[in-house]
């Protein structure tokens, strides 16, 4: 019989609001408040590929991931981080989780800049969205990618609402990011689907060797229960 894992129904803030997640939420909210107070600095902190290349604003590949365009943008990103971040953090450990989060966000910023600049040079009439990118979506989707890979054939209660296996959840989200990227090739979209797609891809590579030490979910149907599963999931036989 197959063994499934499901989120426990008991809602405990301590289970979700782990140390690393708490600090990331505090930093994002603080940066949003500061961006409202110091509006003139906002344009220097979001990721604009041309400014990184021409003016060497290298800090933008870090600062962009802690900024949000409005309260709604901030709310949905932090809500996602709240629901999934704590589970991944407890499995990884706080130091590794923070390194992973920053790695995905920064690597996404670097690759996004390189792709936008390269495509705009090679194809003059093929303009990727380059008016400025901000938000933690890339890094947070990276966290979601790892959660789904860790529980490839297990049911996850996504945002506490939708029971879906990890492999199907990540397939749907990746497909939306890919389609969104294709639809925004001429800069008509204000959402950087390319950054979302890059965050997912980078997280997958991080999960695999040489960065990750977990086994590939494709090779083995059953996995020994991790500390993560023991603490947050319960098992049952069909």
C-alpha atoms as a PDB file:
ATOM      1  CA  UNK A   1       0.000   0.000   0.000  1.00  0.00           C
ATOM      2  CA  UNK A   2       1.155   3.494  -0.772  1.00  0.00           C
ATOM      3  CA  UNK A   3       2.050   5.778   2.047  1.00  0.00           C
ATOM      4  CA  UNK A   4       0.759   9.330   1.812  1.00  0.00           C
ATOM      5  CA  UNK A   5       1.666  12.349   3.813  1.00  0.00           C
ATOM      6  CA  UNK A   6      -0.698  15.187   4.573  1.00  0.00           C
ATOM      7  CA  UNK A   7      -0.480  18.410   6.471  1.00  0.00           C
ATOM      8  CA  UNK A   8      -1.759  18.131  10.007  1.00  0.00           C
ATOM      9  CA  UNK A   9      -4.979  20.055  10.534  1.00  0.00           C
ATOM     10  CA  UNK A  10      -3.883  21.612  13.818  1.00  0.00           C
ATOM     11  CA  UNK A  11      -2.934  25.219  13.188  1.00  0.00           C
ATOM     12  CA  UNK A  12       0.039  26.262  15.264  1.00  0.00           C
ATOM     13  CA  UNK A  13       1.765  29.546  14.491  1.00  0.00           C
ATOM     14  CA  UNK A  14       5.048  28.171  15.837  1.00  0.00           C
ATOM     15  CA  UNK A  15       4.951  25.449  13.193  1.00  0.00           C
ATOM     16  CA  UNK A  16       4.785  28.038  10.416  1.00  0.00           C
ATOM     17  CA  UNK A  17       6.550  31.056  11.885  1.00  0.00           C
ATOM     18  CA  UNK A  18      10.029  29.601  12.283  1.00  0.00           C
ATOM     19  CA  UNK A  19      13.060  31.762  13.028  1.00  0.00           C
ATOM     20  CA  UNK A  20      14.239  32.270   9.449  1.00  0.00           C
ATOM     21  CA  UNK A  21      10.745  32.818   8.071  1.00  0.00           C
ATOM     22  CA  UNK A  22       9.991  35.319  10.821  1.00  0.00           C
ATOM     23  CA  UNK A  23      13.074  37.385  10.038  1.00  0.00           C
ATOM     24  CA  UNK A  24      12.391  37.319   6.297  1.00  0.00           C
ATOM     25  CA  UNK A  25       8.862  38.565   6.923  1.00  0.00           C
ATOM     26  CA  UNK A  26      10.118  41.323   9.234  1.00  0.00           C
ATOM     27  CA  UNK A  27      12.755  42.437   6.717  1.00  0.00           C
ATOM     28  CA  UNK A  28      10.281  42.505   3.820  1.00  0.00           C
ATOM     29  CA  UNK A  29       7.721  44.499   5.787  1.00  0.00           C
ATOM     30  CA  UNK A  30      10.404  46.900   7.035  1.00  0.00           C
ATOM     31  CA  UNK A  31      11.726  47.458   3.520  1.00  0.00           C
ATOM     32  CA  UNK A  32       8.221  48.120   2.252  1.00  0.00           C
ATOM     33  CA  UNK A  33       7.642  50.758   4.950  1.00  0.00           C
ATOM     34  CA  UNK A  34      11.006  52.377   4.196  1.00  0.00           C
ATOM     35  CA  UNK A  35      10.183  52.436   0.483  1.00  0.00           C
ATOM     36  CA  UNK A  36       7.038  54.407   1.287  1.00  0.00           C
ATOM     37  CA  UNK A  37       8.976  56.883   3.411  1.00  0.00           C
ATOM     38  CA  UNK A  38      11.947  57.290   1.054  1.00  0.00           C
ATOM     39  CA  UNK A  39      10.275  57.076  -2.340  1.00  0.00           C
ATOM     40  CA  UNK A  40      13.231  58.673  -4.128  1.00  0.00           C
ATOM     41  CA  UNK A  41      15.476  55.743  -3.217  1.00  0.00           C
ATOM     42  CA  UNK A  42      13.015  53.191  -4.561  1.00  0.00           C
ATOM     43  CA  UNK A  43      14.250  53.387  -8.159  1.00  0.00           C
ATOM     44  CA  UNK A  44      17.826  52.748  -7.032  1.00  0.00           C
ATOM     45  CA  UNK A  45      16.952  49.518  -5.240  1.00  0.00           C
ATOM     46  CA  UNK A  46      14.732  47.658  -7.715  1.00  0.00           C
ATOM     47  CA  UNK A  47      16.445  45.491 -10.321  1.00  0.00           C
ATOM     48  CA  UNK A  48      16.903  47.338 -13.626  1.00  0.00           C
ATOM     49  CA  UNK A  49      19.245  45.422 -15.975  1.00  0.00           C
ATOM     50  CA  UNK A  50      20.393  48.523 -17.867  1.00  0.00           C
ATOM     51  CA  UNK A  51      21.420  50.295 -14.672  1.00  0.00           C
ATOM     52  CA  UNK A  52      23.341  47.272 -13.427  1.00  0.00           C
ATOM     53  CA  UNK A  53      25.294  47.074 -16.677  1.00  0.00           C
ATOM     54  CA  UNK A  54      25.719  50.787 -17.409  1.00  0.00           C
ATOM     55  CA  UNK A  55      25.932  52.288 -13.895  1.00  0.00           C
ATOM     56  CA  UNK A  56      27.198  49.253 -11.944  1.00  0.00           C
ATOM     57  CA  UNK A  57      24.299  49.262  -9.476  1.00  0.00           C
ATOM     58  CA  UNK A  58      25.248  45.755  -8.398  1.00  0.00           C
ATOM     59  CA  UNK A  59      23.385  45.956  -5.088  1.00  0.00           C
ATOM     60  CA  UNK A  60      20.124  45.749  -7.035  1.00  0.00           C
ATOM     61  CA  UNK A  61      20.513  41.980  -7.467  1.00  0.00           C
ATOM     62  CA  UNK A  62      20.062  41.742  -3.686  1.00  0.00           C
ATOM     63  CA  UNK A  63      17.772  44.617  -2.739  1.00  0.00           C
ATOM     64  CA  UNK A  64      15.107  43.906  -5.373  1.00  0.00           C
ATOM     65  CA  UNK A  65      14.026  40.722  -3.583  1.00  0.00           C
ATOM     66  CA  UNK A  66      13.042  42.641  -0.440  1.00  0.00           C
ATOM     67  CA  UNK A  67      10.883  45.264  -2.169  1.00  0.00           C
ATOM     68  CA  UNK A  68       7.241  45.156  -3.283  1.00  0.00           C
ATOM     69  CA  UNK A  69       5.184  47.410  -5.483  1.00  0.00           C
ATOM     70  CA  UNK A  70       2.225  47.666  -3.103  1.00  0.00           C
ATOM     71  CA  UNK A  71       0.645  46.139  -0.002  1.00  0.00           C
ATOM     72  CA  UNK A  72      -1.254  43.507  -2.003  1.00  0.00           C
ATOM     73  CA  UNK A  73       1.948  42.301  -3.671  1.00  0.00           C
ATOM     74  CA  UNK A  74       3.646  42.139  -0.270  1.00  0.00           C
ATOM     75  CA  UNK A  75       0.720  40.338   1.366  1.00  0.00           C
ATOM     76  CA  UNK A  76       0.479  37.483  -1.134  1.00  0.00           C
ATOM     77  CA  UNK A  77       4.209  36.858  -1.231  1.00  0.00           C
ATOM     78  CA  UNK A  78       4.524  36.780   2.544  1.00  0.00           C
ATOM     79  CA  UNK A  79       1.408  34.639   2.867  1.00  0.00           C
ATOM     80  CA  UNK A  80       3.002  32.054   0.591  1.00  0.00           C
ATOM     81  CA  UNK A  81       6.266  32.232   2.541  1.00  0.00           C
ATOM     82  CA  UNK A  82       4.356  31.840   5.820  1.00  0.00           C
ATOM     83  CA  UNK A  83       2.567  28.679   4.703  1.00  0.00           C
ATOM     84  CA  UNK A  84       5.499  26.831   3.114  1.00  0.00           C
ATOM     85  CA  UNK A  85       8.710  28.363   4.454  1.00  0.00           C
ATOM     86  CA  UNK A  86       8.586  26.930   7.960  1.00  0.00           C
ATOM     87  CA  UNK A  87       8.290  23.333   6.762  1.00  0.00           C
ATOM     88  CA  UNK A  88      11.303  23.615   4.462  1.00  0.00           C
ATOM     89  CA  UNK A  89      13.299  25.514   7.083  1.00  0.00           C
ATOM     90  CA  UNK A  90      12.773  22.824   9.715  1.00  0.00           C
ATOM     91  CA  UNK A  91      13.951  20.188   7.276  1.00  0.00           C
ATOM     92  CA  UNK A  92      17.017  22.144   6.125  1.00  0.00           C
ATOM     93  CA  UNK A  93      17.854  23.927   9.340  1.00  0.00           C
ATOM     94  CA  UNK A  94      17.709  27.717   9.659  1.00  0.00           C
ATOM     95  CA  UNK A  95      21.254  28.596   8.424  1.00  0.00           C
ATOM     96  CA  UNK A  96      20.952  26.436   5.313  1.00  0.00           C
ATOM     97  CA  UNK A  97      17.420  27.678   4.636  1.00  0.00           C
ATOM     98  CA  UNK A  98      18.544  31.320   4.738  1.00  0.00           C
ATOM     99  CA  UNK A  99      21.522  30.566   2.486  1.00  0.00           C
ATOM    100  CA  UNK A 100      19.219  28.747   0.079  1.00  0.00           C
ATOM    101  CA  UNK A 101      16.682  31.599   0.031  1.00  0.00           C
ATOM    102  CA  UNK A 102      19.337  34.241  -0.621  1.00  0.00           C
ATOM    103  CA  UNK A 103      21.118  32.081  -3.181  1.00  0.00           C
ATOM    104  CA  UNK A 104      17.947  31.573  -5.229  1.00  0.00           C
ATOM    105  CA  UNK A 105      16.997  35.258  -5.039  1.00  0.00           C
ATOM    106  CA  UNK A 106      20.439  36.571  -5.965  1.00  0.00           C
ATOM    107  CA  UNK A 107      21.076  33.973  -8.670  1.00  0.00           C
ATOM    108  CA  UNK A 108      17.667  34.799 -10.149  1.00  0.00           C
ATOM    109  CA  UNK A 109      18.596  38.491 -10.254  1.00  0.00           C
ATOM    110  CA  UNK A 110      21.923  37.771 -11.948  1.00  0.00           C
ATOM    111  CA  UNK A 111      20.500  35.416 -14.563  1.00  0.00           C
ATOM    112  CA  UNK A 112      17.525  37.675 -15.228  1.00  0.00           C
ATOM    113  CA  UNK A 113      19.856  40.608 -15.875  1.00  0.00           C
ATOM    114  CA  UNK A 114      22.101  38.552 -18.159  1.00  0.00           C
ATOM    115  CA  UNK A 115      19.183  37.142 -20.174  1.00  0.00           C
ATOM    116  CA  UNK A 116      17.437  40.495 -20.616  1.00  0.00           C
ATOM    117  CA  UNK A 117      20.618  42.256 -21.732  1.00  0.00           C
ATOM    118  CA  UNK A 118      21.674  39.415 -24.045  1.00  0.00           C
ATOM    119  CA  UNK A 119      18.268  39.024 -25.698  1.00  0.00           C
ATOM    120  CA  UNK A 120      17.875  42.770 -26.192  1.00  0.00           C
ATOM    121  CA  UNK A 121      21.311  42.933 -27.835  1.00  0.00           C
ATOM    122  CA  UNK A 122      20.782  39.985 -30.160  1.00  0.00           C
ATOM    123  CA  UNK A 123      17.143  40.681 -31.029  1.00  0.00           C
ATOM    124  CA  UNK A 124      16.530  44.406 -31.190  1.00  0.00           C
ATOM    125  CA  UNK A 125      12.791  44.002 -31.791  1.00  0.00           C
ATOM    126  CA  UNK A 126      12.424  41.335 -29.120  1.00  0.00           C
ATOM    127  CA  UNK A 127      12.126  43.269 -25.885  1.00  0.00           C
ATOM    128  CA  UNK A 128      11.870  41.444 -22.587  1.00  0.00           C
ATOM    129  CA  UNK A 129      10.275  43.291 -19.689  1.00  0.00           C
ATOM    130  CA  UNK A 130      13.095  45.462 -18.413  1.00  0.00           C
ATOM    131  CA  UNK A 131      11.473  48.438 -16.685  1.00  0.00           C
ATOM    132  CA  UNK A 132      12.381  47.133 -13.261  1.00  0.00           C
ATOM    133  CA  UNK A 133      11.837  43.936 -11.309  1.00  0.00           C
ATOM    134  CA  UNK A 134      11.096  43.655  -7.623  1.00  0.00           C
ATOM    135  CA  UNK A 135       9.603  41.197  -5.176  1.00  0.00           C
ATOM    136  CA  UNK A 136      10.453  37.973  -3.412  1.00  0.00           C
ATOM    137  CA  UNK A 137       8.393  35.743  -5.716  1.00  0.00           C
ATOM    138  CA  UNK A 138      11.418  34.085  -7.326  1.00  0.00           C
ATOM    139  CA  UNK A 139      12.955  33.052  -4.007  1.00  0.00           C
ATOM    140  CA  UNK A 140       9.604  31.970  -2.537  1.00  0.00           C
ATOM    141  CA  UNK A 141       8.766  29.856  -5.579  1.00  0.00           C
ATOM    142  CA  UNK A 142      12.195  28.312  -5.082  1.00  0.00           C
ATOM    143  CA  UNK A 143      11.116  27.301  -1.582  1.00  0.00           C
ATOM    144  CA  UNK A 144       7.940  25.820  -3.041  1.00  0.00           C
ATOM    145  CA  UNK A 145       9.973  23.866  -5.590  1.00  0.00           C
ATOM    146  CA  UNK A 146      12.022  22.245  -2.826  1.00  0.00           C
ATOM    147  CA  UNK A 147       8.896  21.429  -0.804  1.00  0.00           C
ATOM    148  CA  UNK A 148       7.355  19.702  -3.830  1.00  0.00           C
ATOM    149  CA  UNK A 149      10.546  17.797  -4.637  1.00  0.00           C
ATOM    150  CA  UNK A 150      10.800  16.578  -1.055  1.00  0.00           C
ATOM    151  CA  UNK A 151       7.235  15.283  -1.289  1.00  0.00           C
ATOM    152  CA  UNK A 152       7.018  14.358  -4.939  1.00  0.00           C
ATOM    153  CA  UNK A 153       4.318  11.684  -4.598  1.00  0.00           C
ATOM    154  CA  UNK A 154       2.773  12.945  -1.375  1.00  0.00           C
ATOM    155  CA  UNK A 155      -0.363  15.033  -1.028  1.00  0.00           C
ATOM    156  CA  UNK A 156       0.202  18.591   0.164  1.00  0.00           C
ATOM    157  CA  UNK A 157      -2.529  20.910   1.377  1.00  0.00           C
ATOM    158  CA  UNK A 158      -1.464  23.890  -0.712  1.00  0.00           C
ATOM    159  CA  UNK A 159      -2.171  27.046   1.308  1.00  0.00           C
ATOM    160  CA  UNK A 160      -4.357  24.845   3.492  1.00  0.00           C
ATOM    161  CA  UNK A 161      -7.006  24.693   0.740  1.00  0.00           C
ATOM    162  CA  UNK A 162      -6.032  22.396  -2.099  1.00  0.00           C
ATOM    163  CA  UNK A 163      -4.849  18.779  -1.654  1.00  0.00           C
ATOM    164  CA  UNK A 164      -2.480  18.058  -4.522  1.00  0.00           C
ATOM    165  CA  UNK A 165       0.604  15.923  -5.039  1.00  0.00           C
ATOM    166  CA  UNK A 166       3.901  17.774  -5.094  1.00  0.00           C
ATOM    167  CA  UNK A 167       4.740  16.733  -8.657  1.00  0.00           C
ATOM    168  CA  UNK A 168       1.468  18.084 -10.051  1.00  0.00           C
ATOM    169  CA  UNK A 169       1.647  21.303  -8.063  1.00  0.00           C
ATOM    170  CA  UNK A 170       5.122  22.144  -9.318  1.00  0.00           C
ATOM    171  CA  UNK A 171       4.165  21.127 -12.875  1.00  0.00           C
ATOM    172  CA  UNK A 172       1.189  23.521 -12.862  1.00  0.00           C
ATOM    173  CA  UNK A 173       3.169  26.428 -11.385  1.00  0.00           C
ATOM    174  CA  UNK A 174       6.107  25.898 -13.759  1.00  0.00           C
ATOM    175  CA  UNK A 175       3.744  25.711 -16.731  1.00  0.00           C
ATOM    176  CA  UNK A 176       2.081  28.993 -15.738  1.00  0.00           C
ATOM    177  CA  UNK A 177       5.502  30.650 -15.322  1.00  0.00           C
ATOM    178  CA  UNK A 178       6.641  29.376 -18.735  1.00  0.00           C
ATOM    179  CA  UNK A 179       3.460  30.491 -20.504  1.00  0.00           C
ATOM    180  CA  UNK A 180       3.624  33.836 -18.718  1.00  0.00           C
ATOM    181  CA  UNK A 181       7.216  34.293 -19.867  1.00  0.00           C
ATOM    182  CA  UNK A 182       6.238  33.684 -23.484  1.00  0.00           C
ATOM    183  CA  UNK A 183       3.331  36.123 -23.211  1.00  0.00           C
ATOM    184  CA  UNK A 184       5.526  38.913 -21.824  1.00  0.00           C
ATOM    185  CA  UNK A 185       8.335  38.805 -24.380  1.00  0.00           C
ATOM    186  CA  UNK A 186       7.452  42.256 -25.693  1.00  0.00           C
ATOM    187  CA  UNK A 187       7.320  43.930 -22.336  1.00  0.00           C
ATOM    188  CA  UNK A 188       3.540  44.185 -22.052  1.00  0.00           C
ATOM    189  CA  UNK A 189       3.371  42.460 -18.681  1.00  0.00           C
ATOM    190  CA  UNK A 190       4.173  44.103 -15.360  1.00  0.00           C
ATOM    191  CA  UNK A 191       4.854  40.718 -13.722  1.00  0.00           C
ATOM    192  CA  UNK A 192       8.218  39.147 -14.402  1.00  0.00           C
ATOM    193  CA  UNK A 193       7.262  35.577 -15.178  1.00  0.00           C
ATOM    194  CA  UNK A 194      10.831  35.027 -16.352  1.00  0.00           C
ATOM    195  CA  UNK A 195      12.093  35.707 -12.820  1.00  0.00           C
ATOM    196  CA  UNK A 196       9.538  33.197 -11.496  1.00  0.00           C
ATOM    197  CA  UNK A 197      10.710  30.586 -13.970  1.00  0.00           C
ATOM    198  CA  UNK A 198      14.345  31.221 -13.105  1.00  0.00           C
ATOM    199  CA  UNK A 199      13.640  30.919  -9.379  1.00  0.00           C
ATOM    200  CA  UNK A 200      12.030  27.523  -9.925  1.00  0.00           C
ATOM    201  CA  UNK A 201      14.888  26.294 -12.093  1.00  0.00           C
ATOM    202  CA  UNK A 202      17.633  27.514  -9.772  1.00  0.00           C
ATOM    203  CA  UNK A 203      15.928  25.906  -6.771  1.00  0.00           C
ATOM    204  CA  UNK A 204      15.764  22.595  -8.616  1.00  0.00           C
ATOM    205  CA  UNK A 205      19.500  22.752  -9.349  1.00  0.00           C
ATOM    206  CA  UNK A 206      20.173  23.658  -5.723  1.00  0.00           C
ATOM    207  CA  UNK A 207      18.151  20.660  -4.612  1.00  0.00           C
ATOM    208  CA  UNK A 208      20.286  18.412  -6.784  1.00  0.00           C
ATOM    209  CA  UNK A 209      24.041  17.932  -6.508  1.00  0.00           C
ATOM    210  CA  UNK A 210      26.458  19.541  -5.840  1.00  0.00           C
ATOM    211  CA  UNK A 211      24.465  21.884  -3.595  1.00  0.00           C
ATOM    212  CA  UNK A 212      21.856  19.515  -2.214  1.00  0.00           C
ATOM    213  CA  UNK A 213      22.368  16.176  -0.536  1.00  0.00           C
ATOM    214  CA  UNK A 214      18.819  14.868  -0.963  1.00  0.00           C
ATOM    215  CA  UNK A 215      18.085  11.941  -3.223  1.00  0.00           C
ATOM    216  CA  UNK A 216      16.276  12.467  -6.489  1.00  0.00           C
ATOM    217  CA  UNK A 217      12.534  11.879  -6.059  1.00  0.00           C
ATOM    218  CA  UNK A 218      12.273  10.284  -9.493  1.00  0.00           C
ATOM    219  CA  UNK A 219      14.379   7.248  -8.633  1.00  0.00           C
ATOM    220  CA  UNK A 220      12.732   6.001  -5.483  1.00  0.00           C
ATOM    221  CA  UNK A 221       9.031   5.662  -4.734  1.00  0.00           C
ATOM    222  CA  UNK A 222       9.410   5.380  -0.981  1.00  0.00           C
ATOM    223  CA  UNK A 223      11.639   7.576   1.124  1.00  0.00           C
ATOM    224  CA  UNK A 224      12.636   7.234   4.737  1.00  0.00           C
ATOM    225  CA  UNK A 225      10.793   9.752   6.851  1.00  0.00           C
ATOM    226  CA  UNK A 226      12.793  12.889   7.544  1.00  0.00           C
ATOM    227  CA  UNK A 227      12.605  15.036  10.639  1.00  0.00           C
ATOM    228  CA  UNK A 228      10.387  17.297   8.565  1.00  0.00           C
ATOM    229  CA  UNK A 229       7.920  14.506   7.856  1.00  0.00           C
ATOM    230  CA  UNK A 230       7.980  13.149  11.390  1.00  0.00           C
ATOM    231  CA  UNK A 231       7.095  16.525  12.841  1.00  0.00           C
ATOM    232  CA  UNK A 232       4.589  17.877  10.365  1.00  0.00           C
ATOM    233  CA  UNK A 233       3.077  14.933   8.580  1.00  0.00           C
ATOM    234  CA  UNK A 234       1.107  11.922   9.688  1.00  0.00           C
ATOM    235  CA  UNK A 235       0.909   8.645   7.776  1.00  0.00           C
ATOM    236  CA  UNK A 236      -1.974   6.405   6.910  1.00  0.00           C
ATOM    237  CA  UNK A 237      -2.503   3.256   4.842  1.00  0.00           C
ATOM    238  CA  UNK A 238      -5.026   3.187   2.015  1.00  0.00           C
END
